[in-house]
């Protein structure tokens, strides 16, 4: 699952223009490598949120402030929308990003199982938007979970789930409550590419 994404190089002014968004306080935005497990004392992750209009605002990562497990509420399975997320499935947001990271399960040269880090990005866009559902934390601020789907042919060899990433057109449709099925693979498939960040972990073959 995706627990790291990169917003380095994100143009927030473009995000505002893409979605005709209002701008909330941006003085404390975190831009760069975003880690789901970093301690969050205040909302800092920029997101385009459909709440009383379309607004760019700082948010938390996670729909649950108090988690049963460390990963609770970070990634949300789109196929379970109408069962597990029916109360928030209309609470939609988009998180601007330039890439995200996935770990591929491999057998290391030591013959132990491990994970090989890959950076995923769009071939034809430097900036895209990650689909999210959101809920409210006790301080009144918003926390999001990244919505996932089945992987396409690029993602599948690396991980068995794929976060839903959208361009401007699809992002607008997502915010405007188009059914979640329209954004699931194979109904929508982003033009992904990847970079293997740990080639030294690639299993050696005999031939």
N, C-alpha and C. Protein backbone atom coordinates (compact mmCIF):
# COMPACT_ATOMS: atom_id res chain seq x y z
N UNK A 1 0.84 -1.19 0.00
CA UNK A 1 0.00 0.00 0.00
C UNK A 1 0.88 1.25 0.00
N UNK A 2 0.29 2.37 -0.33
CA UNK A 2 1.04 3.61 -0.44
C UNK A 2 1.04 4.37 0.89
N UNK A 3 2.23 4.51 1.46
CA UNK A 3 2.37 5.27 2.70
C UNK A 3 3.37 6.42 2.55
N UNK A 4 3.82 6.66 1.33
CA UNK A 4 4.71 7.77 1.04
C UNK A 4 4.36 8.33 -0.35
N UNK A 5 4.27 9.64 -0.43
CA UNK A 5 4.16 10.27 -1.74
C UNK A 5 4.97 11.56 -1.73
N UNK A 6 5.19 12.10 -2.93
CA UNK A 6 6.06 13.25 -3.08
C UNK A 6 5.28 14.42 -3.65
N UNK A 7 5.35 15.56 -2.98
CA UNK A 7 4.72 16.77 -3.51
C UNK A 7 5.77 17.80 -3.92
N UNK A 8 7.05 17.40 -3.92
CA UNK A 8 8.10 18.31 -4.39
C UNK A 8 7.84 18.64 -5.85
N UNK A 9 7.84 19.90 -6.18
CA UNK A 9 7.56 20.33 -7.54
C UNK A 9 6.10 20.60 -7.82
N UNK A 10 5.22 20.34 -6.84
CA UNK A 10 3.80 20.63 -7.02
C UNK A 10 3.59 22.14 -7.12
N UNK A 11 2.77 22.54 -8.07
CA UNK A 11 2.40 23.94 -8.26
C UNK A 11 1.00 24.14 -7.68
N UNK A 12 0.94 24.70 -6.48
CA UNK A 12 -0.35 24.87 -5.82
C UNK A 12 -1.23 25.90 -6.53
N UNK A 13 -0.61 26.87 -7.18
CA UNK A 13 -1.39 27.84 -7.94
C UNK A 13 -2.09 27.15 -9.11
N UNK A 14 -1.41 26.18 -9.73
CA UNK A 14 -2.03 25.39 -10.79
C UNK A 14 -3.20 24.58 -10.25
N UNK A 15 -3.01 23.99 -9.05
CA UNK A 15 -4.08 23.22 -8.44
C UNK A 15 -5.31 24.09 -8.17
N UNK A 16 -5.08 25.30 -7.70
CA UNK A 16 -6.18 26.23 -7.45
C UNK A 16 -6.91 26.55 -8.75
N UNK A 17 -6.14 26.79 -9.81
CA UNK A 17 -6.73 27.11 -11.11
C UNK A 17 -7.46 25.91 -11.71
N UNK A 18 -6.85 24.73 -11.59
CA UNK A 18 -7.45 23.52 -12.17
C UNK A 18 -8.85 23.26 -11.64
N UNK A 19 -9.09 23.62 -10.36
CA UNK A 19 -10.38 23.27 -9.74
C UNK A 19 -11.16 24.49 -9.27
N UNK A 20 -10.73 25.68 -9.74
CA UNK A 20 -11.42 26.92 -9.34
C UNK A 20 -11.59 26.96 -7.83
N UNK A 21 -10.53 26.65 -7.12
CA UNK A 21 -10.59 26.51 -5.67
C UNK A 21 -10.31 27.83 -4.96
N UNK A 22 -10.95 27.98 -3.82
CA UNK A 22 -10.58 29.05 -2.90
C UNK A 22 -9.34 28.60 -2.13
N UNK A 23 -8.66 29.56 -1.55
CA UNK A 23 -7.41 29.24 -0.84
C UNK A 23 -7.54 29.57 0.64
N UNK A 24 -7.35 28.54 1.46
CA UNK A 24 -7.32 28.75 2.91
C UNK A 24 -5.88 29.11 3.32
N UNK A 25 -5.60 29.12 4.60
CA UNK A 25 -4.27 29.45 5.10
C UNK A 25 -3.25 28.44 4.57
N UNK A 26 -2.26 28.92 3.83
CA UNK A 26 -1.24 28.04 3.24
C UNK A 26 0.13 28.22 3.89
N UNK A 27 0.20 28.95 4.98
CA UNK A 27 1.50 29.28 5.56
C UNK A 27 2.21 28.08 6.17
N UNK A 28 1.46 27.02 6.49
CA UNK A 28 2.08 25.88 7.16
C UNK A 28 2.04 24.61 6.30
N UNK A 29 1.91 24.76 4.99
CA UNK A 29 1.87 23.59 4.13
C UNK A 29 3.21 22.85 4.14
N UNK A 30 3.13 21.52 4.15
CA UNK A 30 4.31 20.68 3.99
C UNK A 30 4.42 20.28 2.52
N UNK A 31 5.55 20.61 1.91
CA UNK A 31 5.81 20.26 0.52
C UNK A 31 7.08 19.42 0.48
N UNK A 32 7.01 18.30 -0.22
CA UNK A 32 8.17 17.41 -0.29
C UNK A 32 7.74 15.97 -0.09
N UNK A 33 8.59 15.17 0.52
CA UNK A 33 8.27 13.78 0.80
C UNK A 33 7.31 13.70 1.98
N UNK A 34 6.14 13.12 1.75
CA UNK A 34 5.10 13.01 2.78
C UNK A 34 5.02 11.56 3.24
N UNK A 35 5.22 11.35 4.53
CA UNK A 35 5.22 10.01 5.12
C UNK A 35 3.99 9.85 6.01
N UNK A 36 3.23 8.80 5.77
CA UNK A 36 1.99 8.59 6.52
C UNK A 36 2.22 8.38 8.00
N UNK A 37 3.42 7.92 8.38
CA UNK A 37 3.67 7.58 9.77
C UNK A 37 4.40 8.68 10.54
N UNK A 38 4.63 9.80 9.89
CA UNK A 38 5.23 10.94 10.59
C UNK A 38 4.23 11.49 11.60
N UNK A 39 4.73 11.96 12.73
CA UNK A 39 3.86 12.51 13.76
C UNK A 39 3.18 13.76 13.24
N UNK A 40 1.88 13.84 13.42
CA UNK A 40 1.09 14.97 12.94
C UNK A 40 0.52 15.74 14.12
N UNK A 41 1.06 16.90 14.38
CA UNK A 41 0.57 17.73 15.48
C UNK A 41 -0.39 18.81 14.98
N UNK A 42 -0.38 19.04 13.68
CA UNK A 42 -1.31 19.99 13.07
C UNK A 42 -1.46 19.61 11.60
N UNK A 43 -2.55 20.02 10.96
CA UNK A 43 -2.73 19.69 9.55
C UNK A 43 -1.78 20.51 8.67
N UNK A 44 -1.05 19.84 7.79
CA UNK A 44 -0.07 20.54 6.95
C UNK A 44 -0.07 20.09 5.49
N UNK A 45 -0.76 19.00 5.16
CA UNK A 45 -0.70 18.45 3.81
C UNK A 45 -1.73 19.16 2.94
N UNK A 46 -1.31 19.80 1.86
CA UNK A 46 -2.28 20.52 1.02
C UNK A 46 -3.21 19.57 0.27
N UNK A 47 -4.50 19.90 0.29
CA UNK A 47 -5.50 19.10 -0.41
C UNK A 47 -6.59 20.02 -0.95
N UNK A 48 -7.11 19.65 -2.11
CA UNK A 48 -8.28 20.32 -2.68
C UNK A 48 -9.49 19.59 -2.14
N UNK A 49 -10.30 20.27 -1.34
CA UNK A 49 -11.38 19.63 -0.59
C UNK A 49 -12.73 20.17 -1.02
N UNK A 50 -13.67 19.26 -1.24
CA UNK A 50 -15.05 19.64 -1.53
C UNK A 50 -15.80 19.74 -0.21
N UNK A 51 -15.76 20.90 0.41
CA UNK A 51 -16.42 21.14 1.69
C UNK A 51 -16.78 22.61 1.77
N UNK A 52 -18.08 22.88 1.69
CA UNK A 52 -18.55 24.27 1.63
C UNK A 52 -17.88 25.00 0.47
N UNK A 53 -17.91 24.36 -0.68
CA UNK A 53 -17.21 24.86 -1.84
C UNK A 53 -15.93 24.07 -2.07
N UNK A 54 -15.17 24.42 -3.09
CA UNK A 54 -13.90 23.76 -3.38
C UNK A 54 -12.78 24.62 -2.81
N UNK A 55 -12.03 24.05 -1.87
CA UNK A 55 -11.05 24.84 -1.11
C UNK A 55 -9.72 24.10 -1.04
N UNK A 56 -8.63 24.84 -1.25
CA UNK A 56 -7.30 24.31 -0.96
C UNK A 56 -7.00 24.58 0.50
N UNK A 57 -6.76 23.50 1.27
CA UNK A 57 -6.57 23.68 2.71
C UNK A 57 -5.57 22.66 3.25
N UNK A 58 -4.99 22.93 4.41
CA UNK A 58 -4.09 21.96 5.06
C UNK A 58 -4.89 20.85 5.73
N UNK A 59 -4.39 19.62 5.61
CA UNK A 59 -5.11 18.45 6.12
C UNK A 59 -4.15 17.49 6.82
N UNK A 60 -4.73 16.51 7.50
CA UNK A 60 -3.99 15.38 8.05
C UNK A 60 -4.07 14.19 7.08
N UNK A 61 -3.12 13.26 7.21
CA UNK A 61 -3.23 11.99 6.49
C UNK A 61 -3.81 10.97 7.45
N UNK A 62 -5.02 10.51 7.14
CA UNK A 62 -5.72 9.52 7.96
C UNK A 62 -7.12 9.97 8.29
N UNK A 63 -8.11 9.13 8.00
CA UNK A 63 -9.48 9.50 8.35
C UNK A 63 -9.77 9.24 9.82
N UNK A 64 -8.86 8.51 10.48
CA UNK A 64 -9.05 8.19 11.89
C UNK A 64 -7.96 8.87 12.71
N UNK A 65 -8.38 9.67 13.68
CA UNK A 65 -7.42 10.32 14.57
C UNK A 65 -6.84 9.32 15.55
N UNK A 66 -7.70 8.45 16.08
CA UNK A 66 -7.25 7.38 16.98
C UNK A 66 -7.33 6.07 16.22
N UNK A 67 -6.20 5.44 15.98
CA UNK A 67 -6.13 4.27 15.11
C UNK A 67 -6.04 2.98 15.90
N UNK A 68 -6.79 1.98 15.44
CA UNK A 68 -6.67 0.65 16.02
C UNK A 68 -5.34 0.02 15.65
N UNK A 69 -4.93 0.27 14.40
CA UNK A 69 -3.64 -0.19 13.90
C UNK A 69 -2.93 1.01 13.28
N UNK A 70 -1.60 0.98 13.17
CA UNK A 70 -0.88 2.14 12.61
C UNK A 70 -1.35 2.52 11.21
N UNK A 71 -1.84 1.52 10.43
CA UNK A 71 -2.24 1.80 9.05
C UNK A 71 -3.73 2.12 8.89
N UNK A 72 -4.47 2.10 9.99
CA UNK A 72 -5.92 2.32 9.91
C UNK A 72 -6.25 3.68 9.28
N UNK A 73 -7.12 3.65 8.27
CA UNK A 73 -7.62 4.89 7.69
C UNK A 73 -6.67 5.63 6.77
N UNK A 74 -5.54 5.02 6.43
CA UNK A 74 -4.57 5.69 5.56
C UNK A 74 -4.85 5.42 4.09
N UNK A 75 -5.10 4.15 3.77
CA UNK A 75 -5.48 3.73 2.41
C UNK A 75 -6.87 3.11 2.48
N UNK A 76 -7.75 3.48 1.55
CA UNK A 76 -9.14 3.05 1.58
C UNK A 76 -9.45 2.26 0.31
N UNK A 77 -9.93 1.04 0.47
CA UNK A 77 -10.23 0.16 -0.66
C UNK A 77 -11.52 0.60 -1.35
N UNK A 78 -11.40 1.04 -2.60
CA UNK A 78 -12.57 1.61 -3.29
C UNK A 78 -13.70 0.60 -3.45
N UNK A 79 -13.35 -0.68 -3.60
CA UNK A 79 -14.38 -1.70 -3.76
C UNK A 79 -15.24 -1.87 -2.50
N UNK A 80 -14.79 -1.33 -1.38
CA UNK A 80 -15.54 -1.41 -0.13
C UNK A 80 -16.24 -0.09 0.22
N UNK A 81 -16.30 0.81 -0.76
CA UNK A 81 -16.85 2.15 -0.52
C UNK A 81 -18.23 2.12 0.12
N UNK A 82 -19.14 1.35 -0.46
CA UNK A 82 -20.54 1.40 -0.02
C UNK A 82 -20.79 0.58 1.24
N UNK A 83 -19.79 -0.16 1.69
CA UNK A 83 -19.89 -0.90 2.94
C UNK A 83 -19.16 -0.19 4.07
N UNK A 84 -17.87 0.08 3.84
CA UNK A 84 -17.03 0.61 4.92
C UNK A 84 -16.99 2.14 4.97
N UNK A 85 -17.22 2.80 3.83
CA UNK A 85 -17.04 4.25 3.78
C UNK A 85 -18.29 4.98 3.31
N UNK A 86 -19.45 4.34 3.51
CA UNK A 86 -20.69 4.93 3.00
C UNK A 86 -20.99 6.28 3.64
N UNK A 87 -20.52 6.48 4.87
CA UNK A 87 -20.80 7.74 5.57
C UNK A 87 -19.90 8.88 5.12
N UNK A 88 -18.80 8.55 4.43
CA UNK A 88 -17.87 9.60 4.02
C UNK A 88 -17.59 9.58 2.52
N UNK A 89 -18.23 8.68 1.77
CA UNK A 89 -17.87 8.53 0.36
C UNK A 89 -18.20 9.76 -0.48
N UNK A 90 -19.01 10.66 0.05
CA UNK A 90 -19.26 11.92 -0.65
C UNK A 90 -18.35 13.04 -0.14
N UNK A 91 -17.55 12.73 0.87
CA UNK A 91 -16.55 13.68 1.37
C UNK A 91 -15.29 13.49 0.53
N UNK A 92 -15.16 14.24 -0.52
CA UNK A 92 -14.10 13.97 -1.50
C UNK A 92 -13.05 15.06 -1.52
N UNK A 93 -11.82 14.62 -1.75
CA UNK A 93 -10.71 15.55 -1.83
C UNK A 93 -9.67 15.02 -2.81
N UNK A 94 -8.76 15.89 -3.20
CA UNK A 94 -7.67 15.54 -4.09
C UNK A 94 -6.37 16.06 -3.49
N UNK A 95 -5.35 15.22 -3.49
CA UNK A 95 -4.07 15.59 -2.92
C UNK A 95 -3.07 15.77 -4.05
N UNK A 96 -2.58 16.98 -4.29
CA UNK A 96 -1.62 17.21 -5.37
C UNK A 96 -0.30 16.48 -5.09
N UNK A 97 0.24 15.84 -6.12
CA UNK A 97 1.48 15.08 -5.96
C UNK A 97 2.22 15.02 -7.30
N UNK A 98 3.50 14.67 -7.22
CA UNK A 98 4.29 14.46 -8.43
C UNK A 98 4.74 13.01 -8.57
N UNK A 99 4.72 12.25 -7.47
CA UNK A 99 5.03 10.82 -7.54
C UNK A 99 4.61 10.17 -6.23
N UNK A 100 4.61 8.85 -6.22
CA UNK A 100 4.37 8.10 -4.99
C UNK A 100 5.25 6.87 -4.98
N UNK A 101 5.31 6.20 -3.84
CA UNK A 101 6.28 5.12 -3.66
C UNK A 101 5.58 3.82 -3.28
N UNK A 102 6.06 2.74 -3.87
CA UNK A 102 5.56 1.40 -3.57
C UNK A 102 6.74 0.45 -3.37
N UNK A 103 6.53 -0.55 -2.52
CA UNK A 103 7.54 -1.57 -2.30
C UNK A 103 7.18 -2.87 -2.99
N UNK A 104 8.11 -3.37 -3.80
CA UNK A 104 7.92 -4.65 -4.48
C UNK A 104 8.54 -5.76 -3.65
N UNK A 105 7.78 -6.82 -3.41
CA UNK A 105 8.30 -7.94 -2.63
C UNK A 105 9.34 -8.69 -3.47
N UNK A 106 10.52 -8.87 -2.90
CA UNK A 106 11.61 -9.56 -3.61
C UNK A 106 12.35 -10.48 -2.64
N UNK A 107 13.10 -11.40 -3.22
CA UNK A 107 14.04 -12.21 -2.44
C UNK A 107 15.40 -11.54 -2.56
N UNK A 108 15.93 -11.11 -1.45
CA UNK A 108 17.20 -10.38 -1.43
C UNK A 108 18.38 -11.31 -1.71
N UNK A 109 19.52 -10.75 -2.07
CA UNK A 109 20.71 -11.59 -2.27
C UNK A 109 21.07 -12.45 -1.07
N UNK A 110 20.59 -12.07 0.11
CA UNK A 110 20.83 -12.85 1.32
C UNK A 110 19.85 -14.02 1.45
N UNK A 111 18.97 -14.17 0.43
CA UNK A 111 17.92 -15.20 0.42
C UNK A 111 16.80 -14.93 1.41
N UNK A 112 16.75 -13.73 1.96
CA UNK A 112 15.65 -13.33 2.82
C UNK A 112 14.67 -12.49 2.00
N UNK A 113 13.41 -12.52 2.40
CA UNK A 113 12.42 -11.71 1.71
C UNK A 113 12.59 -10.25 2.10
N UNK A 114 12.30 -9.37 1.17
CA UNK A 114 12.45 -7.95 1.44
C UNK A 114 11.57 -7.13 0.52
N UNK A 115 11.75 -5.83 0.57
CA UNK A 115 10.96 -4.91 -0.23
C UNK A 115 11.90 -4.01 -1.03
N UNK A 116 11.57 -3.82 -2.29
CA UNK A 116 12.38 -3.00 -3.19
C UNK A 116 11.58 -1.74 -3.56
N UNK A 117 12.11 -0.59 -3.19
CA UNK A 117 11.38 0.66 -3.33
C UNK A 117 11.33 1.13 -4.79
N UNK A 118 10.11 1.46 -5.25
CA UNK A 118 9.90 1.99 -6.58
C UNK A 118 9.18 3.33 -6.48
N UNK A 119 9.57 4.27 -7.33
CA UNK A 119 8.88 5.55 -7.43
C UNK A 119 7.97 5.51 -8.65
N UNK A 120 6.69 5.79 -8.44
CA UNK A 120 5.68 5.75 -9.49
C UNK A 120 5.30 7.18 -9.89
N UNK A 121 5.15 7.43 -11.18
CA UNK A 121 4.77 8.75 -11.64
C UNK A 121 4.02 8.64 -12.96
N UNK A 122 3.39 9.74 -13.37
CA UNK A 122 2.69 9.77 -14.65
C UNK A 122 3.68 10.07 -15.77
N UNK A 123 3.56 9.37 -16.88
CA UNK A 123 4.44 9.62 -18.03
C UNK A 123 4.22 10.99 -18.63
N UNK A 124 2.97 11.42 -18.71
CA UNK A 124 2.63 12.61 -19.49
C UNK A 124 2.21 13.81 -18.65
N UNK A 125 2.33 13.72 -17.33
CA UNK A 125 2.01 14.85 -16.45
C UNK A 125 3.05 14.90 -15.33
N UNK A 126 3.57 16.08 -15.04
CA UNK A 126 4.47 16.20 -13.90
C UNK A 126 3.70 16.30 -12.59
N UNK A 127 2.44 16.71 -12.67
CA UNK A 127 1.60 16.86 -11.48
C UNK A 127 0.29 16.13 -11.69
N UNK A 128 -0.14 15.39 -10.67
CA UNK A 128 -1.43 14.71 -10.73
C UNK A 128 -2.11 14.86 -9.37
N UNK A 129 -3.28 14.25 -9.24
CA UNK A 129 -4.06 14.42 -8.01
C UNK A 129 -4.51 13.05 -7.50
N UNK A 130 -4.21 12.76 -6.24
CA UNK A 130 -4.59 11.49 -5.62
C UNK A 130 -6.00 11.63 -5.05
N UNK A 131 -6.86 10.67 -5.39
CA UNK A 131 -8.24 10.69 -4.90
C UNK A 131 -8.29 10.31 -3.42
N UNK A 132 -9.11 11.04 -2.66
CA UNK A 132 -9.25 10.74 -1.24
C UNK A 132 -10.67 10.94 -0.75
N UNK A 133 -11.02 10.20 0.29
CA UNK A 133 -12.20 10.48 1.10
C UNK A 133 -11.71 11.11 2.40
N UNK A 134 -12.53 11.96 3.00
CA UNK A 134 -12.08 12.61 4.23
C UNK A 134 -13.12 12.51 5.34
N UNK A 135 -12.64 12.71 6.56
CA UNK A 135 -13.48 12.82 7.74
C UNK A 135 -12.89 13.91 8.62
N UNK A 136 -13.52 14.18 9.74
CA UNK A 136 -13.08 15.27 10.60
C UNK A 136 -12.43 14.75 11.87
N UNK A 137 -11.33 15.38 12.26
CA UNK A 137 -10.67 15.07 13.52
C UNK A 137 -11.31 15.90 14.63
N UNK A 138 -10.93 15.61 15.86
CA UNK A 138 -11.57 16.27 17.01
C UNK A 138 -11.30 17.77 17.05
N UNK A 139 -10.23 18.22 16.39
CA UNK A 139 -9.93 19.66 16.37
C UNK A 139 -10.69 20.39 15.27
N UNK A 140 -11.55 19.66 14.54
CA UNK A 140 -12.34 20.27 13.48
C UNK A 140 -11.68 20.27 12.13
N UNK A 141 -10.42 19.87 12.06
CA UNK A 141 -9.71 19.81 10.79
C UNK A 141 -9.98 18.49 10.07
N UNK A 142 -9.59 18.46 8.82
CA UNK A 142 -9.90 17.33 7.94
C UNK A 142 -8.73 16.37 7.85
N UNK A 143 -9.04 15.07 7.88
CA UNK A 143 -8.05 14.02 7.63
C UNK A 143 -8.53 13.16 6.48
N UNK A 144 -7.62 12.82 5.56
CA UNK A 144 -7.99 12.07 4.36
C UNK A 144 -7.39 10.67 4.36
N UNK A 145 -8.02 9.79 3.60
CA UNK A 145 -7.46 8.48 3.27
C UNK A 145 -7.35 8.38 1.76
N UNK A 146 -6.25 7.82 1.26
CA UNK A 146 -6.06 7.65 -0.18
C UNK A 146 -6.90 6.47 -0.67
N UNK A 147 -7.62 6.67 -1.76
CA UNK A 147 -8.51 5.64 -2.27
C UNK A 147 -7.74 4.77 -3.27
N UNK A 148 -7.87 3.44 -3.13
CA UNK A 148 -7.11 2.51 -3.96
C UNK A 148 -8.02 1.66 -4.84
N UNK A 149 -7.42 1.08 -5.88
CA UNK A 149 -8.13 0.22 -6.81
C UNK A 149 -7.22 -0.94 -7.19
N UNK A 150 -7.72 -1.81 -8.07
CA UNK A 150 -6.88 -2.87 -8.62
C UNK A 150 -5.78 -2.23 -9.46
N UNK A 151 -4.61 -2.86 -9.57
CA UNK A 151 -3.50 -2.25 -10.31
C UNK A 151 -3.64 -2.43 -11.82
N UNK A 152 -3.08 -1.48 -12.56
CA UNK A 152 -3.00 -1.65 -14.01
C UNK A 152 -1.74 -2.44 -14.36
N UNK A 153 -1.44 -2.56 -15.65
CA UNK A 153 -0.35 -3.43 -16.09
C UNK A 153 1.02 -2.93 -15.67
N UNK A 154 1.15 -1.64 -15.39
CA UNK A 154 2.44 -1.10 -14.93
C UNK A 154 2.61 -1.33 -13.43
N UNK A 155 1.56 -1.09 -12.68
CA UNK A 155 1.62 -1.21 -11.22
C UNK A 155 1.63 -2.66 -10.76
N UNK A 156 0.93 -3.54 -11.46
CA UNK A 156 0.71 -4.91 -10.98
C UNK A 156 1.99 -5.68 -10.66
N UNK A 157 3.06 -5.59 -11.46
CA UNK A 157 4.27 -6.33 -11.10
C UNK A 157 4.95 -5.80 -9.83
N UNK A 158 4.57 -4.61 -9.40
CA UNK A 158 5.21 -3.98 -8.25
C UNK A 158 4.36 -4.12 -6.99
N UNK A 159 3.05 -3.93 -7.13
CA UNK A 159 2.15 -4.03 -5.97
C UNK A 159 0.76 -4.44 -6.43
N UNK A 160 0.02 -5.13 -5.54
CA UNK A 160 -1.29 -5.64 -5.91
C UNK A 160 -2.43 -4.64 -5.69
N UNK A 161 -2.11 -3.42 -5.26
CA UNK A 161 -3.09 -2.34 -5.17
C UNK A 161 -2.48 -1.09 -5.79
N UNK A 162 -3.34 -0.17 -6.20
CA UNK A 162 -2.89 1.07 -6.84
C UNK A 162 -3.75 2.22 -6.33
N UNK A 163 -3.10 3.30 -5.87
CA UNK A 163 -3.88 4.47 -5.49
C UNK A 163 -4.48 5.09 -6.76
N UNK A 164 -5.66 5.68 -6.61
CA UNK A 164 -6.32 6.31 -7.75
C UNK A 164 -5.73 7.70 -7.95
N UNK A 165 -5.07 7.88 -9.10
CA UNK A 165 -4.47 9.17 -9.44
C UNK A 165 -5.17 9.72 -10.67
N UNK A 166 -5.42 11.03 -10.66
CA UNK A 166 -6.29 11.65 -11.66
C UNK A 166 -5.66 12.90 -12.25
N UNK A 167 -6.08 13.23 -13.47
CA UNK A 167 -5.70 14.51 -14.05
C UNK A 167 -6.78 15.54 -13.73
N UNK A 168 -6.64 16.72 -14.28
CA UNK A 168 -7.57 17.81 -13.99
C UNK A 168 -9.01 17.41 -14.33
N UNK A 169 -9.23 16.87 -15.52
CA UNK A 169 -10.59 16.54 -15.96
C UNK A 169 -11.22 15.50 -15.04
N UNK A 170 -10.51 14.40 -14.80
CA UNK A 170 -11.05 13.35 -13.95
C UNK A 170 -11.16 13.82 -12.50
N UNK A 171 -10.25 14.68 -12.08
CA UNK A 171 -10.31 15.22 -10.73
C UNK A 171 -11.57 16.03 -10.50
N UNK A 172 -11.95 16.82 -11.48
CA UNK A 172 -13.18 17.59 -11.38
C UNK A 172 -14.39 16.67 -11.27
N UNK A 173 -14.39 15.61 -12.06
CA UNK A 173 -15.49 14.65 -12.02
C UNK A 173 -15.56 13.94 -10.67
N UNK A 174 -14.40 13.64 -10.11
CA UNK A 174 -14.36 13.00 -8.79
C UNK A 174 -14.95 13.93 -7.73
N UNK A 175 -14.52 15.19 -7.73
CA UNK A 175 -15.04 16.14 -6.75
C UNK A 175 -16.53 16.37 -6.93
N UNK A 176 -17.01 16.23 -8.16
CA UNK A 176 -18.42 16.46 -8.45
C UNK A 176 -19.28 15.21 -8.27
N UNK A 177 -18.73 14.22 -7.54
CA UNK A 177 -19.50 13.05 -7.10
C UNK A 177 -19.83 12.04 -8.19
N UNK A 178 -19.02 11.97 -9.23
CA UNK A 178 -19.21 10.88 -10.19
C UNK A 178 -18.98 9.57 -9.46
N UNK A 179 -19.74 8.50 -9.77
CA UNK A 179 -19.62 7.24 -9.02
C UNK A 179 -18.18 6.74 -8.96
N UNK A 180 -17.81 6.19 -7.83
CA UNK A 180 -16.43 5.76 -7.61
C UNK A 180 -16.00 4.71 -8.63
N UNK A 181 -16.95 3.94 -9.13
CA UNK A 181 -16.62 2.90 -10.12
C UNK A 181 -15.97 3.48 -11.37
N UNK A 182 -16.28 4.72 -11.69
CA UNK A 182 -15.73 5.36 -12.89
C UNK A 182 -14.23 5.58 -12.78
N UNK A 183 -13.71 5.55 -11.56
CA UNK A 183 -12.29 5.84 -11.35
C UNK A 183 -11.48 4.58 -11.04
N UNK A 184 -12.16 3.46 -10.96
CA UNK A 184 -11.50 2.19 -10.68
C UNK A 184 -10.92 1.61 -11.97
N UNK A 185 -9.83 0.86 -11.82
CA UNK A 185 -9.31 0.10 -12.94
C UNK A 185 -10.23 -1.09 -13.19
N UNK A 186 -10.58 -1.43 -14.44
CA UNK A 186 -10.03 -0.90 -15.71
C UNK A 186 -10.82 0.26 -16.31
N UNK A 187 -11.84 0.79 -15.61
CA UNK A 187 -12.61 1.90 -16.18
C UNK A 187 -11.74 3.12 -16.41
N UNK A 188 -10.75 3.30 -15.55
CA UNK A 188 -9.77 4.38 -15.73
C UNK A 188 -8.40 3.83 -15.38
N UNK A 189 -7.44 4.10 -16.26
CA UNK A 189 -6.08 3.60 -16.05
C UNK A 189 -5.08 4.71 -16.34
N UNK A 190 -4.36 5.20 -15.33
CA UNK A 190 -3.38 6.26 -15.56
C UNK A 190 -2.19 5.74 -16.36
N UNK A 191 -1.57 6.66 -17.10
CA UNK A 191 -0.41 6.32 -17.91
C UNK A 191 0.84 6.40 -17.04
N UNK A 192 1.08 5.32 -16.29
CA UNK A 192 2.14 5.31 -15.29
C UNK A 192 3.49 4.86 -15.85
N UNK A 193 4.53 5.30 -15.17
CA UNK A 193 5.88 4.77 -15.36
C UNK A 193 6.50 4.67 -13.98
N UNK A 194 7.69 4.09 -13.88
CA UNK A 194 8.30 3.93 -12.56
C UNK A 194 9.82 3.98 -12.66
N UNK A 195 10.42 4.18 -11.51
CA UNK A 195 11.87 4.14 -11.37
C UNK A 195 12.20 3.21 -10.22
N UNK A 196 13.02 2.22 -10.47
CA UNK A 196 13.49 1.31 -9.43
C UNK A 196 14.58 2.02 -8.63
N UNK A 197 14.29 2.35 -7.39
CA UNK A 197 15.23 3.10 -6.56
C UNK A 197 16.24 2.22 -5.84
N UNK A 198 16.04 0.91 -5.88
CA UNK A 198 16.96 -0.01 -5.20
C UNK A 198 17.32 -1.19 -6.12
N UNK A 199 17.97 -0.89 -7.26
CA UNK A 199 18.28 -1.97 -8.20
C UNK A 199 19.19 -3.04 -7.63
N UNK A 200 19.95 -2.69 -6.59
CA UNK A 200 20.84 -3.67 -5.98
C UNK A 200 20.08 -4.82 -5.31
N UNK A 201 18.78 -4.62 -5.09
CA UNK A 201 17.97 -5.66 -4.48
C UNK A 201 17.31 -6.59 -5.51
N UNK A 202 17.54 -6.32 -6.79
CA UNK A 202 16.94 -7.17 -7.82
C UNK A 202 17.51 -8.57 -7.74
N UNK A 203 16.65 -9.59 -7.64
CA UNK A 203 17.15 -10.96 -7.55
C UNK A 203 18.01 -11.34 -8.74
N UNK A 204 19.11 -12.02 -8.49
CA UNK A 204 19.99 -12.47 -9.54
C UNK A 204 19.47 -13.79 -10.13
N UNK A 205 19.54 -13.88 -11.45
CA UNK A 205 19.12 -15.10 -12.14
C UNK A 205 20.34 -15.87 -12.59
N UNK A 206 20.14 -17.16 -12.89
CA UNK A 206 21.26 -18.01 -13.31
C UNK A 206 21.63 -17.78 -14.76
N UNK A 207 20.73 -17.17 -15.51
CA UNK A 207 20.99 -16.98 -16.94
C UNK A 207 20.92 -15.53 -17.33
